[in-house]
Amino acid sequence: MERGELWWAQFDDKRPVVLLSGGAGPEFRAVQIVAPATPVEKQGFLLMSGEQAVDADERRRVVEAAGPDVRAIGIEVFFGAQEGLAEDGVVRVALPLDGKIFCTWMLSLGGEYLIERIGVLSPAKRRELDVAMELSGAE
């Protein structure tokens, strides 16, 4: 089990996660893959893609274009068939803004909760995730 792998994890139900730590365990840091935010959920929030977040100039342009009424800023790193998922999903993280956090789904779990390996991130997708986690203050 290595950083950047996608796994099905069994919590209250079966959910996809991306490992943020690897090795022999006994616990792993992971973040859940969730559904992309809907237009209603995005109201008042700025969500940029992982691709936009990787480029510091693009990140700045997106934030400046959003204007002063944005309540929070976040990043959605998209995952889909290329990563082994049947349905599209995202890792969504919030960037610190006045002490408010939109949403994150980071957790620690034991190896017994990881039930099936889905796939592994490409270097480009792993870079998007690393930048998003770093900007959120989680890494």
N, C-alpha and C. Protein backbone atom coordinates (compact mmCIF):
# COMPACT_ATOMS: atom_id res chain seq x y z
N MET A 1 0.85 -1.17 0.00
CA MET A 1 0.00 0.00 0.00
C MET A 1 0.89 1.24 0.00
N GLU A 2 0.76 2.02 -1.06
CA GLU A 2 1.65 3.17 -1.24
C GLU A 2 0.87 4.45 -1.46
N ARG A 3 1.53 5.57 -1.15
CA ARG A 3 0.95 6.89 -1.39
C ARG A 3 0.56 7.00 -2.86
N GLY A 4 -0.63 7.56 -3.11
CA GLY A 4 -1.10 7.73 -4.47
C GLY A 4 -1.93 6.59 -5.01
N GLU A 5 -2.10 5.53 -4.23
CA GLU A 5 -2.97 4.44 -4.66
C GLU A 5 -4.41 4.76 -4.31
N LEU A 6 -5.33 4.30 -5.15
CA LEU A 6 -6.76 4.40 -4.89
C LEU A 6 -7.23 3.04 -4.40
N TRP A 7 -8.05 3.05 -3.35
CA TRP A 7 -8.57 1.82 -2.74
C TRP A 7 -10.04 1.97 -2.45
N TRP A 8 -10.76 0.85 -2.47
CA TRP A 8 -12.08 0.80 -1.88
C TRP A 8 -11.88 0.57 -0.40
N ALA A 9 -12.52 1.40 0.41
CA ALA A 9 -12.44 1.28 1.86
C ALA A 9 -13.84 1.02 2.41
N GLN A 10 -13.91 0.19 3.43
CA GLN A 10 -15.20 -0.14 4.04
C GLN A 10 -15.36 0.64 5.34
N PHE A 11 -16.25 1.63 5.32
CA PHE A 11 -16.62 2.37 6.54
C PHE A 11 -18.04 1.93 6.86
N ASP A 12 -18.95 2.90 6.92
CA ASP A 12 -20.37 2.56 7.04
C ASP A 12 -20.85 1.93 5.74
N ASP A 13 -20.23 2.29 4.63
CA ASP A 13 -20.43 1.64 3.35
C ASP A 13 -19.12 1.69 2.57
N LYS A 14 -19.11 1.10 1.39
CA LYS A 14 -17.89 1.02 0.59
C LYS A 14 -17.67 2.35 -0.14
N ARG A 15 -16.48 2.96 0.05
CA ARG A 15 -16.16 4.25 -0.55
C ARG A 15 -14.75 4.25 -1.11
N PRO A 16 -14.52 4.99 -2.20
CA PRO A 16 -13.15 5.09 -2.72
C PRO A 16 -12.35 6.13 -1.94
N VAL A 17 -11.06 5.82 -1.74
CA VAL A 17 -10.14 6.73 -1.07
C VAL A 17 -8.83 6.77 -1.85
N VAL A 18 -8.06 7.84 -1.62
CA VAL A 18 -6.70 7.93 -2.14
C VAL A 18 -5.78 7.92 -0.93
N LEU A 19 -4.75 7.08 -0.96
CA LEU A 19 -3.81 7.03 0.16
C LEU A 19 -2.86 8.22 0.10
N LEU A 20 -2.73 8.90 1.24
CA LEU A 20 -1.80 10.02 1.38
C LEU A 20 -0.51 9.58 2.05
N SER A 21 -0.52 8.36 2.61
CA SER A 21 0.70 7.79 3.18
C SER A 21 0.74 6.33 2.75
N GLY A 22 1.90 5.74 2.82
CA GLY A 22 2.05 4.36 2.40
C GLY A 22 2.91 3.59 3.37
N GLY A 23 3.34 2.44 2.94
CA GLY A 23 4.20 1.61 3.77
C GLY A 23 3.45 0.42 4.32
N ALA A 24 3.96 -0.10 5.42
CA ALA A 24 3.41 -1.33 6.00
C ALA A 24 2.27 -1.07 6.98
N GLY A 25 1.96 0.19 7.28
CA GLY A 25 0.87 0.47 8.21
C GLY A 25 1.38 0.59 9.62
N PRO A 26 0.63 0.41 10.66
CA PRO A 26 -0.71 -0.16 10.71
C PRO A 26 -1.83 0.80 10.29
N GLU A 27 -1.57 2.11 10.27
CA GLU A 27 -2.59 3.05 9.84
C GLU A 27 -2.10 3.84 8.64
N PHE A 28 -3.06 4.27 7.84
CA PHE A 28 -2.78 5.05 6.64
C PHE A 28 -3.59 6.33 6.68
N ARG A 29 -2.97 7.41 6.20
CA ARG A 29 -3.73 8.64 5.98
C ARG A 29 -4.33 8.55 4.59
N ALA A 30 -5.58 8.91 4.49
CA ALA A 30 -6.27 8.83 3.21
C ALA A 30 -7.27 9.98 3.12
N VAL A 31 -7.76 10.21 1.92
CA VAL A 31 -8.82 11.19 1.71
C VAL A 31 -9.87 10.53 0.83
N GLN A 32 -11.12 10.73 1.20
CA GLN A 32 -12.22 10.13 0.47
C GLN A 32 -12.43 10.82 -0.87
N ILE A 33 -12.83 10.05 -1.85
CA ILE A 33 -13.25 10.58 -3.14
C ILE A 33 -14.76 10.72 -3.06
N VAL A 34 -15.25 11.91 -3.36
CA VAL A 34 -16.67 12.22 -3.24
C VAL A 34 -17.21 12.71 -4.57
N ALA A 35 -18.50 12.91 -4.65
CA ALA A 35 -19.12 13.44 -5.87
C ALA A 35 -18.68 14.90 -6.06
N PRO A 36 -18.50 15.33 -7.31
CA PRO A 36 -18.20 16.74 -7.56
C PRO A 36 -19.32 17.62 -7.00
N ALA A 37 -18.98 18.82 -6.58
CA ALA A 37 -19.97 19.75 -6.05
C ALA A 37 -20.98 20.12 -7.14
N THR A 38 -22.22 20.20 -6.75
CA THR A 38 -23.28 20.61 -7.67
C THR A 38 -23.29 22.13 -7.78
N PRO A 39 -23.95 22.68 -8.79
CA PRO A 39 -24.05 24.14 -8.90
C PRO A 39 -24.62 24.79 -7.63
N VAL A 40 -25.60 24.16 -7.00
CA VAL A 40 -26.17 24.71 -5.77
C VAL A 40 -25.13 24.72 -4.65
N GLU A 41 -24.36 23.64 -4.52
CA GLU A 41 -23.33 23.56 -3.48
C GLU A 41 -22.21 24.57 -3.72
N LYS A 42 -22.00 24.95 -4.97
CA LYS A 42 -20.93 25.90 -5.30
C LYS A 42 -21.31 27.35 -5.04
N GLN A 43 -22.57 27.64 -4.79
CA GLN A 43 -22.99 29.04 -4.62
C GLN A 43 -22.22 29.69 -3.48
N GLY A 44 -21.55 30.79 -3.82
CA GLY A 44 -20.76 31.52 -2.84
C GLY A 44 -19.35 30.99 -2.64
N PHE A 45 -19.03 29.91 -3.30
CA PHE A 45 -17.73 29.30 -3.16
C PHE A 45 -17.01 29.30 -4.51
N LEU A 46 -15.72 29.39 -4.46
CA LEU A 46 -14.89 29.26 -5.66
C LEU A 46 -14.21 27.91 -5.60
N LEU A 47 -14.50 27.06 -6.58
CA LEU A 47 -13.85 25.76 -6.67
C LEU A 47 -13.08 25.73 -7.97
N MET A 48 -11.76 25.59 -7.87
CA MET A 48 -10.94 25.45 -9.06
C MET A 48 -10.52 24.00 -9.21
N SER A 49 -10.11 23.64 -10.42
CA SER A 49 -9.67 22.27 -10.67
C SER A 49 -8.25 22.08 -10.16
N GLY A 50 -7.87 20.84 -10.00
CA GLY A 50 -6.49 20.53 -9.63
C GLY A 50 -5.50 21.04 -10.66
N GLU A 51 -5.89 20.97 -11.95
CA GLU A 51 -5.02 21.49 -13.01
C GLU A 51 -4.79 22.98 -12.86
N GLN A 52 -5.85 23.74 -12.53
CA GLN A 52 -5.70 25.18 -12.33
C GLN A 52 -4.83 25.46 -11.11
N ALA A 53 -4.98 24.68 -10.07
CA ALA A 53 -4.26 24.92 -8.81
C ALA A 53 -2.76 24.69 -8.94
N VAL A 54 -2.35 23.81 -9.84
CA VAL A 54 -0.92 23.49 -9.99
C VAL A 54 -0.14 24.72 -10.47
N ASP A 55 -0.74 25.52 -11.32
CA ASP A 55 -0.08 26.70 -11.88
C ASP A 55 -0.37 27.92 -11.00
N ALA A 56 0.64 28.45 -10.32
CA ALA A 56 0.44 29.55 -9.38
C ALA A 56 -0.15 30.79 -10.05
N ASP A 57 0.26 31.09 -11.28
CA ASP A 57 -0.30 32.25 -11.99
C ASP A 57 -1.77 32.03 -12.31
N GLU A 58 -2.11 30.85 -12.77
CA GLU A 58 -3.51 30.53 -13.07
C GLU A 58 -4.35 30.58 -11.80
N ARG A 59 -3.82 30.05 -10.71
CA ARG A 59 -4.51 30.08 -9.41
C ARG A 59 -4.83 31.52 -9.03
N ARG A 60 -3.85 32.39 -9.15
CA ARG A 60 -4.05 33.80 -8.80
C ARG A 60 -5.10 34.44 -9.69
N ARG A 61 -5.06 34.16 -10.99
CA ARG A 61 -6.05 34.72 -11.93
C ARG A 61 -7.46 34.28 -11.57
N VAL A 62 -7.63 33.00 -11.26
CA VAL A 62 -8.96 32.46 -10.92
C VAL A 62 -9.49 33.14 -9.66
N VAL A 63 -8.65 33.27 -8.65
CA VAL A 63 -9.08 33.89 -7.39
C VAL A 63 -9.41 35.36 -7.60
N GLU A 64 -8.57 36.08 -8.33
CA GLU A 64 -8.84 37.50 -8.59
C GLU A 64 -10.13 37.69 -9.38
N ALA A 65 -10.39 36.83 -10.34
CA ALA A 65 -11.60 36.94 -11.16
C ALA A 65 -12.86 36.65 -10.36
N ALA A 66 -12.75 35.91 -9.28
CA ALA A 66 -13.92 35.55 -8.48
C ALA A 66 -14.49 36.74 -7.71
N GLY A 67 -13.66 37.70 -7.40
CA GLY A 67 -14.13 38.89 -6.69
C GLY A 67 -14.19 38.72 -5.19
N PRO A 68 -14.62 39.77 -4.51
CA PRO A 68 -14.57 39.80 -3.05
C PRO A 68 -15.71 39.07 -2.34
N ASP A 69 -16.74 38.66 -3.04
CA ASP A 69 -17.90 38.05 -2.39
C ASP A 69 -17.79 36.55 -2.16
N VAL A 70 -16.66 35.98 -2.52
CA VAL A 70 -16.45 34.54 -2.35
C VAL A 70 -16.30 34.24 -0.86
N ARG A 71 -17.10 33.28 -0.37
CA ARG A 71 -17.05 32.91 1.05
C ARG A 71 -15.92 31.96 1.37
N ALA A 72 -15.54 31.14 0.40
CA ALA A 72 -14.45 30.18 0.61
C ALA A 72 -13.92 29.74 -0.75
N ILE A 73 -12.68 29.27 -0.74
CA ILE A 73 -12.02 28.82 -1.96
C ILE A 73 -11.59 27.37 -1.75
N GLY A 74 -11.80 26.56 -2.76
CA GLY A 74 -11.42 25.17 -2.67
C GLY A 74 -10.87 24.66 -3.99
N ILE A 75 -10.40 23.43 -3.93
CA ILE A 75 -9.84 22.75 -5.11
C ILE A 75 -10.51 21.40 -5.22
N GLU A 76 -10.94 21.05 -6.43
CA GLU A 76 -11.44 19.72 -6.70
C GLU A 76 -10.48 19.04 -7.67
N VAL A 77 -9.84 17.97 -7.21
CA VAL A 77 -8.98 17.16 -8.07
C VAL A 77 -9.86 16.03 -8.59
N PHE A 78 -10.06 15.99 -9.91
CA PHE A 78 -10.99 15.05 -10.53
C PHE A 78 -10.35 13.69 -10.77
N PHE A 79 -11.15 12.64 -10.54
CA PHE A 79 -10.75 11.26 -10.80
C PHE A 79 -11.86 10.57 -11.56
N GLY A 80 -11.50 9.64 -12.43
CA GLY A 80 -12.50 8.92 -13.21
C GLY A 80 -11.97 7.60 -13.72
N ALA A 81 -12.37 7.27 -14.93
CA ALA A 81 -12.01 5.97 -15.52
C ALA A 81 -10.50 5.77 -15.62
N GLN A 82 -9.76 6.84 -15.90
CA GLN A 82 -8.31 6.71 -16.02
C GLN A 82 -7.67 6.21 -14.72
N GLU A 83 -8.29 6.54 -13.59
CA GLU A 83 -7.79 6.10 -12.28
C GLU A 83 -8.44 4.81 -11.83
N GLY A 84 -9.35 4.25 -12.65
CA GLY A 84 -9.97 2.97 -12.32
C GLY A 84 -11.36 3.08 -11.71
N LEU A 85 -11.95 4.26 -11.68
CA LEU A 85 -13.28 4.44 -11.10
C LEU A 85 -14.36 4.32 -12.17
N ALA A 86 -15.47 3.71 -11.81
CA ALA A 86 -16.60 3.60 -12.73
C ALA A 86 -17.36 4.92 -12.83
N GLU A 87 -17.37 5.70 -11.75
CA GLU A 87 -18.05 6.99 -11.72
C GLU A 87 -17.05 8.08 -11.38
N ASP A 88 -17.22 9.25 -12.00
CA ASP A 88 -16.34 10.38 -11.70
C ASP A 88 -16.49 10.80 -10.25
N GLY A 89 -15.39 11.25 -9.69
CA GLY A 89 -15.38 11.76 -8.33
C GLY A 89 -14.27 12.78 -8.17
N VAL A 90 -14.19 13.35 -6.99
CA VAL A 90 -13.17 14.36 -6.70
C VAL A 90 -12.64 14.17 -5.29
N VAL A 91 -11.43 14.65 -5.10
CA VAL A 91 -10.95 14.95 -3.76
C VAL A 91 -11.11 16.46 -3.66
N ARG A 92 -11.91 16.90 -2.70
CA ARG A 92 -12.18 18.32 -2.53
C ARG A 92 -11.54 18.79 -1.24
N VAL A 93 -10.73 19.84 -1.35
CA VAL A 93 -10.12 20.44 -0.16
C VAL A 93 -10.41 21.93 -0.18
N ALA A 94 -10.43 22.50 1.00
CA ALA A 94 -10.65 23.93 1.14
C ALA A 94 -9.34 24.62 1.45
N LEU A 95 -9.20 25.83 0.95
CA LEU A 95 -8.05 26.64 1.30
C LEU A 95 -8.43 27.50 2.50
N PRO A 96 -7.53 27.69 3.42
CA PRO A 96 -7.86 28.49 4.61
C PRO A 96 -8.33 29.88 4.21
N LEU A 97 -9.45 30.32 4.78
CA LEU A 97 -10.00 31.64 4.53
C LEU A 97 -10.76 32.07 5.77
N ASP A 98 -10.20 32.99 6.51
CA ASP A 98 -10.84 33.49 7.73
C ASP A 98 -11.25 32.37 8.68
N GLY A 99 -10.43 31.33 8.75
CA GLY A 99 -10.70 30.23 9.68
C GLY A 99 -11.86 29.33 9.28
N LYS A 100 -12.42 29.51 8.09
CA LYS A 100 -13.56 28.70 7.65
C LYS A 100 -13.07 27.62 6.70
N ILE A 101 -13.67 26.45 6.81
CA ILE A 101 -13.33 25.35 5.92
C ILE A 101 -14.62 24.86 5.26
N PHE A 102 -14.61 24.77 3.93
CA PHE A 102 -15.78 24.31 3.18
C PHE A 102 -16.00 22.81 3.42
N CYS A 103 -15.01 22.01 3.09
CA CYS A 103 -15.13 20.57 3.34
C CYS A 103 -13.83 19.85 3.01
N THR A 104 -13.52 18.90 3.83
CA THR A 104 -12.42 17.98 3.55
C THR A 104 -12.82 16.62 4.13
N TRP A 105 -12.27 15.59 3.57
CA TRP A 105 -12.59 14.24 4.01
C TRP A 105 -11.32 13.45 4.24
N MET A 106 -10.41 13.99 5.04
CA MET A 106 -9.16 13.29 5.33
C MET A 106 -9.36 12.46 6.59
N LEU A 107 -8.74 11.28 6.62
CA LEU A 107 -8.89 10.41 7.76
C LEU A 107 -7.69 9.49 7.89
N SER A 108 -7.59 8.87 9.03
CA SER A 108 -6.61 7.80 9.25
C SER A 108 -7.40 6.51 9.40
N LEU A 109 -6.92 5.46 8.77
CA LEU A 109 -7.62 4.19 8.87
C LEU A 109 -6.63 3.06 8.86
N GLY A 110 -7.00 1.98 9.51
CA GLY A 110 -6.18 0.78 9.54
C GLY A 110 -6.30 0.01 8.24
N GLY A 111 -5.29 -0.78 7.94
CA GLY A 111 -5.26 -1.55 6.72
C GLY A 111 -6.45 -2.49 6.56
N GLU A 112 -7.06 -2.88 7.67
CA GLU A 112 -8.21 -3.79 7.59
C GLU A 112 -9.42 -3.14 6.92
N TYR A 113 -9.43 -1.80 6.83
CA TYR A 113 -10.54 -1.09 6.18
C TYR A 113 -10.34 -0.99 4.67
N LEU A 114 -9.12 -1.24 4.20
CA LEU A 114 -8.83 -1.19 2.77
C LEU A 114 -9.13 -2.56 2.18
N ILE A 115 -10.15 -2.62 1.32
CA ILE A 115 -10.62 -3.94 0.89
C ILE A 115 -10.24 -4.33 -0.53
N GLU A 116 -10.01 -3.34 -1.41
CA GLU A 116 -9.65 -3.68 -2.78
C GLU A 116 -8.94 -2.50 -3.43
N ARG A 117 -7.79 -2.77 -4.04
CA ARG A 117 -7.04 -1.72 -4.74
C ARG A 117 -7.74 -1.41 -6.06
N ILE A 118 -7.95 -0.12 -6.32
CA ILE A 118 -8.61 0.32 -7.54
C ILE A 118 -7.59 0.65 -8.62
N GLY A 119 -6.55 1.39 -8.25
CA GLY A 119 -5.55 1.82 -9.22
C GLY A 119 -4.53 2.71 -8.56
N VAL A 120 -3.78 3.42 -9.39
CA VAL A 120 -2.73 4.31 -8.90
C VAL A 120 -2.77 5.60 -9.72
N LEU A 121 -2.44 6.70 -9.09
CA LEU A 121 -2.47 7.99 -9.76
C LEU A 121 -1.31 8.13 -10.74
N SER A 122 -1.58 8.79 -11.85
CA SER A 122 -0.51 9.15 -12.77
C SER A 122 0.34 10.22 -12.09
N PRO A 123 1.57 10.43 -12.55
CA PRO A 123 2.40 11.49 -11.95
C PRO A 123 1.71 12.86 -12.00
N ALA A 124 1.03 13.19 -13.10
CA ALA A 124 0.36 14.49 -13.21
C ALA A 124 -0.78 14.62 -12.21
N LYS A 125 -1.56 13.57 -12.05
CA LYS A 125 -2.69 13.60 -11.11
C LYS A 125 -2.18 13.63 -9.68
N ARG A 126 -1.08 12.92 -9.43
CA ARG A 126 -0.51 12.95 -8.08
C ARG A 126 0.00 14.36 -7.75
N ARG A 127 0.56 15.04 -8.73
CA ARG A 127 1.02 16.42 -8.53
C ARG A 127 -0.15 17.33 -8.19
N GLU A 128 -1.27 17.17 -8.90
CA GLU A 128 -2.47 17.96 -8.59
C GLU A 128 -2.90 17.73 -7.15
N LEU A 129 -2.94 16.47 -6.73
CA LEU A 129 -3.35 16.16 -5.36
C LEU A 129 -2.37 16.72 -4.35
N ASP A 130 -1.07 16.58 -4.61
CA ASP A 130 -0.06 17.09 -3.69
C ASP A 130 -0.18 18.60 -3.52
N VAL A 131 -0.38 19.33 -4.63
CA VAL A 131 -0.52 20.77 -4.55
C VAL A 131 -1.77 21.15 -3.78
N ALA A 132 -2.88 20.48 -4.07
CA ALA A 132 -4.14 20.77 -3.36
C ALA A 132 -3.99 20.54 -1.86
N MET A 133 -3.37 19.45 -1.48
CA MET A 133 -3.21 19.15 -0.05
C MET A 133 -2.28 20.16 0.61
N GLU A 134 -1.22 20.53 -0.08
CA GLU A 134 -0.28 21.51 0.47
C GLU A 134 -0.96 22.89 0.64
N LEU A 135 -1.70 23.33 -0.37
CA LEU A 135 -2.36 24.62 -0.28
C LEU A 135 -3.44 24.65 0.80
N SER A 136 -4.04 23.51 1.06
CA SER A 136 -5.09 23.44 2.09
C SER A 136 -4.51 23.47 3.50
N GLY A 137 -3.20 23.26 3.61
CA GLY A 137 -2.57 23.20 4.92
C GLY A 137 -2.58 21.80 5.51
N ALA A 138 -3.08 20.83 4.76
CA ALA A 138 -3.16 19.46 5.26
C ALA A 138 -1.84 18.72 5.15
N GLU A 139 -0.93 19.19 4.31
CA GLU A 139 0.35 18.50 4.13
C GLU A 139 1.47 19.39 4.64
